Amino acid sequence: MFGPTQFVFLAKKLILGLQALAIVSIFGMFSTAVFAQSVDTSTPDGLIKYIVDDVMTSVKADKEIQAGNIPKIVTLVDQKIIPYTDMQKTTQMAMGRNWSKATPEQQKAITTEFKALLVRTYSGAISQIRDQTVIYKPFRAAAEDTEVIVRTQVINKGDPIQLEYRLMKVNNGWKVYDINVLGAWLIEAYRNQFNNQISQNGIDGLIKFLQERNRTLASAK
């Protein structure tokens, strides 16, 4: 079944991911001021570091976001994280073989609803950001690579959290399309759930379920 329990599990994974994405206190050579001047956003690891700095700076400057103002958090995520992602690719890969079976209108609807689900899931984590630290592992990639992984480790009060970002090269740089938290890739987790729902209720059934889930999340805020 494609029910609330599975979504709670995935939401917890995503919350951990956003907490790591939004941390600016980084072990390394640079202070915050030097960091802001040194990041090269044309590189995959540079882009991730830039997002971390930009998001955390915004959170620290906005008391309403720190207090959990959901509309403001959603706006922040939509403006400062979503532009650096490729939601269509994420949705297409999560759909797997079922993507080609969907009409263009269905593909658009699923992408829209999936994005809304992820944004709302991410939003709950923003206000929980405190004093975590993220370590960037050495980045290695060949100049001709078009898909890469940026590996990080989040240090919190508990055990370190292994977090990886999968990026693809686009015309104007790089975009994130998958995230791995504690060994669970987002796309793979949702692919299993999407396939189960489609096999039971069809593509329109998946769209309806995502819409209902988003309404539930919206009414709970």
Protein backbone atom coordinates (compact mmCIF):
# COMPACT_ATOMS: atom_id res chain seq x y z
CA MET A 1 0.00 0.00 0.00
CA PHE A 2 1.02 3.59 -0.67
CA GLY A 3 -0.13 5.07 2.60
CA PRO A 4 0.75 7.57 5.32
CA THR A 5 3.22 5.24 7.00
CA GLN A 6 5.44 5.11 3.94
CA PHE A 7 5.24 8.87 3.51
CA VAL A 8 6.20 9.44 7.16
CA PHE A 9 9.29 7.28 6.64
CA LEU A 10 10.28 9.16 3.49
CA ALA A 11 9.53 12.50 5.11
CA LYS A 12 11.93 11.73 7.93
CA LYS A 13 14.64 10.96 5.38
CA LEU A 14 13.96 14.22 3.55
CA ILE A 15 13.95 16.25 6.75
CA LEU A 16 17.40 14.93 7.58
CA GLY A 17 18.51 15.87 4.09
CA LEU A 18 17.25 19.42 4.30
CA GLN A 19 18.78 19.94 7.70
CA ALA A 20 22.14 19.08 6.18
CA LEU A 21 21.46 21.19 3.10
CA ALA A 22 20.67 24.24 5.18
CA ILE A 23 23.67 24.27 7.51
CA VAL A 24 26.32 26.94 7.09
CA SER A 25 28.70 25.99 9.95
CA ILE A 26 31.24 23.98 7.95
CA PHE A 27 34.48 22.31 9.01
CA GLY A 28 37.18 23.49 6.64
CA MET A 29 39.59 26.20 5.70
CA PHE A 30 37.19 29.11 5.27
CA SER A 31 35.45 31.46 7.64
CA THR A 32 31.92 32.49 6.60
CA ALA A 33 33.12 35.71 5.02
CA VAL A 34 35.88 34.07 3.00
CA PHE A 35 33.55 31.17 2.14
CA ALA A 36 31.04 33.56 0.55
CA GLN A 37 33.76 34.96 -1.72
CA SER A 38 35.42 31.66 -2.59
CA VAL A 39 32.60 29.34 -3.69
CA ASP A 40 32.54 28.48 -7.38
CA THR A 41 28.92 27.64 -8.19
CA SER A 42 29.90 26.33 -11.62
CA THR A 43 31.18 23.17 -9.92
CA PRO A 44 28.88 20.56 -8.31
CA ASP A 45 30.43 20.80 -4.84
CA GLY A 46 30.59 24.58 -5.11
CA LEU A 47 26.88 24.72 -5.91
CA ILE A 48 25.95 22.62 -2.88
CA LYS A 49 28.10 24.81 -0.63
CA TYR A 50 26.47 27.93 -2.07
CA ILE A 51 22.96 26.61 -1.38
CA VAL A 52 23.92 25.75 2.18
CA ASP A 53 25.25 29.25 2.81
CA ASP A 54 22.35 31.04 1.11
CA VAL A 55 19.61 29.08 2.87
CA MET A 56 21.15 29.32 6.32
CA THR A 57 21.81 33.05 5.97
CA SER A 58 18.16 33.58 5.08
CA VAL A 59 16.92 31.48 8.00
CA LYS A 60 19.17 33.28 10.49
CA ALA A 61 17.91 36.66 9.26
CA ASP A 62 14.20 35.82 9.49
CA LYS A 63 12.62 35.32 12.91
CA GLU A 64 9.32 34.24 11.38
CA ILE A 65 10.99 31.36 9.56
CA GLN A 66 12.75 30.35 12.78
CA ALA A 67 9.36 30.40 14.49
CA GLY A 68 7.93 28.02 11.89
CA ASN A 69 5.98 30.33 9.58
CA ILE A 70 5.07 27.74 6.94
CA PRO A 71 4.17 30.11 4.03
CA LYS A 72 7.49 31.92 4.44
CA ILE A 73 9.38 28.64 4.68
CA VAL A 74 7.67 27.31 1.56
CA THR A 75 8.61 30.51 -0.27
CA LEU A 76 12.23 30.20 0.86
CA VAL A 77 12.47 26.56 -0.28
CA ASP A 78 10.78 27.41 -3.57
CA GLN A 79 13.14 30.33 -4.21
CA LYS A 80 16.45 29.07 -2.84
CA ILE A 81 16.42 25.28 -3.29
CA ILE A 82 13.97 24.31 -6.03
CA PRO A 83 15.71 26.42 -8.76
CA TYR A 84 18.81 24.25 -8.30
CA THR A 85 16.90 21.02 -8.76
CA ASP A 86 15.49 19.26 -11.83
CA MET A 87 12.06 18.20 -10.64
CA GLN A 88 11.01 16.79 -13.99
CA LYS A 89 13.98 14.43 -14.07
CA THR A 90 13.40 13.48 -10.44
CA THR A 91 9.74 12.72 -11.17
CA GLN A 92 10.51 10.90 -14.41
CA MET A 93 13.02 8.63 -12.70
CA ALA A 94 10.69 8.06 -9.76
CA MET A 95 7.99 7.00 -12.22
CA GLY A 96 10.35 4.64 -14.03
CA ARG A 97 8.74 2.77 -16.94
CA ASN A 98 5.36 4.31 -16.06
CA TRP A 99 6.54 7.78 -17.14
CA SER A 100 6.26 6.90 -20.83
CA LYS A 101 2.75 5.55 -20.23
CA ALA A 102 1.53 8.88 -18.89
CA THR A 103 0.17 11.59 -21.14
CA PRO A 104 1.94 14.98 -21.18
CA GLU A 105 -0.89 16.34 -19.04
CA GLN A 106 -0.49 13.52 -16.51
CA GLN A 107 3.29 13.99 -16.45
CA LYS A 108 2.83 17.68 -15.73
CA ALA A 109 0.28 16.99 -12.98
CA ILE A 110 2.47 14.38 -11.27
CA THR A 111 5.52 16.63 -11.43
CA THR A 112 3.54 19.52 -9.93
CA GLU A 113 2.09 17.42 -7.11
CA PHE A 114 5.38 15.66 -6.37
CA LYS A 115 7.17 18.99 -6.17
CA ALA A 116 4.51 20.32 -3.79
CA LEU A 117 4.87 17.23 -1.63
CA LEU A 118 8.63 17.56 -1.41
CA VAL A 119 8.49 21.32 -0.74
CA ARG A 120 6.05 20.83 2.12
CA THR A 121 8.11 17.95 3.48
CA TYR A 122 11.28 20.05 3.33
CA SER A 123 9.52 23.00 4.92
CA GLY A 124 9.01 21.28 8.24
CA ALA A 125 12.76 20.87 8.62
CA ILE A 126 13.77 24.49 8.10
CA SER A 127 12.49 25.69 11.47
CA GLN A 128 14.28 22.77 13.18
CA ILE A 129 17.74 23.88 12.06
CA ARG A 130 20.02 24.56 14.99
CA ASP A 131 23.77 24.05 15.36
CA GLN A 132 24.52 21.09 13.13
CA THR A 133 27.77 20.99 11.19
CA VAL A 134 28.32 19.55 7.72
CA ILE A 135 31.64 18.20 6.49
CA TYR A 136 32.26 18.09 2.75
CA LYS A 137 34.15 15.03 1.65
CA PRO A 138 36.79 15.40 -1.09
CA PHE A 139 35.05 15.79 -4.45
CA ARG A 140 36.41 13.82 -7.36
CA ALA A 141 35.10 13.92 -10.93
CA ALA A 142 36.50 13.95 -14.45
CA ALA A 143 36.08 17.07 -16.56
CA GLU A 144 33.84 15.20 -19.00
CA ASP A 145 31.49 13.78 -16.34
CA THR A 146 27.85 14.82 -16.75
CA GLU A 147 26.51 13.10 -13.61
CA VAL A 148 28.29 13.26 -10.26
CA ILE A 149 27.78 12.72 -6.54
CA VAL A 150 28.70 15.24 -3.85
CA ARG A 151 29.21 13.47 -0.52
CA THR A 152 28.80 15.11 2.87
CA GLN A 153 28.53 14.13 6.50
CA VAL A 154 26.30 15.94 8.98
CA ILE A 155 27.46 16.15 12.56
CA ASN A 156 24.67 16.58 15.09
CA LYS A 157 24.17 15.48 18.68
CA GLY A 158 23.70 11.87 17.62
CA ASP A 159 25.54 9.71 15.13
CA PRO A 160 26.90 11.36 11.95
CA ILE A 161 24.45 11.39 9.04
CA GLN A 162 25.81 10.38 5.64
CA LEU A 163 24.22 12.58 2.97
CA GLU A 164 24.88 12.47 -0.76
CA TYR A 165 23.60 14.65 -3.61
CA ARG A 166 23.36 13.39 -7.18
CA LEU A 167 23.71 16.15 -9.75
CA MET A 168 23.47 16.34 -13.54
CA LYS A 169 25.16 18.80 -15.86
CA VAL A 170 22.82 21.21 -17.67
CA ASN A 171 23.42 24.04 -20.12
CA ASN A 172 24.02 26.65 -17.41
CA GLY A 173 25.72 24.56 -14.74
CA TRP A 174 24.49 21.74 -12.48
CA LYS A 175 21.21 20.66 -10.91
CA VAL A 176 20.39 18.28 -8.09
CA TYR A 177 17.98 15.50 -8.98
CA ASP A 178 18.41 12.90 -6.23
CA ILE A 179 19.46 12.75 -2.59
CA ASN A 180 20.70 9.88 -0.45
CA VAL A 181 20.16 9.97 3.31
CA LEU A 182 21.53 7.10 5.40
CA GLY A 183 21.74 4.84 2.36
CA ALA A 184 18.25 5.55 0.99
CA TRP A 185 18.06 7.32 -2.38
CA LEU A 186 14.93 9.46 -2.68
CA ILE A 187 14.13 8.41 -6.25
CA GLU A 188 14.42 4.71 -5.52
CA ALA A 189 12.21 4.98 -2.45
CA TYR A 190 9.48 6.85 -4.27
CA ARG A 191 9.74 4.64 -7.36
CA ASN A 192 8.66 1.63 -5.33
CA GLN A 193 5.74 3.57 -3.86
CA PHE A 194 4.68 5.08 -7.20
CA ASN A 195 4.79 1.70 -8.95
CA ASN A 196 2.67 0.12 -6.22
CA GLN A 197 0.07 2.88 -6.42
CA ILE A 198 -0.07 2.83 -10.22
CA SER A 199 -0.42 -0.95 -10.33
CA GLN A 200 -3.44 -0.67 -8.03
CA ASN A 201 -5.13 2.52 -9.18
CA GLY A 202 -3.50 3.64 -12.40
CA ILE A 203 -1.72 6.89 -13.17
CA ASP A 204 -4.77 9.00 -12.39
CA GLY A 205 -4.96 7.19 -9.06
CA LEU A 206 -1.41 8.29 -8.26
CA ILE A 207 -2.26 11.88 -9.15
CA LYS A 208 -5.35 11.76 -6.93
CA PHE A 209 -3.38 10.28 -4.06
CA LEU A 210 -0.66 12.95 -4.27
CA GLN A 211 -3.30 15.67 -4.42
CA GLU A 212 -5.04 14.28 -1.35
CA ARG A 213 -1.75 13.95 0.49
CA ASN A 214 -0.85 17.56 -0.28
CA ARG A 215 -4.26 18.75 0.93
CA THR A 216 -3.77 16.81 4.15
CA LEU A 217 -0.34 18.34 4.71
CA ALA A 218 -1.64 21.83 3.92
CA SER A 219 -4.55 21.54 6.36
CA ALA A 220 -2.26 20.23 9.10
CA LYS A 221 -0.05 23.31 9.09
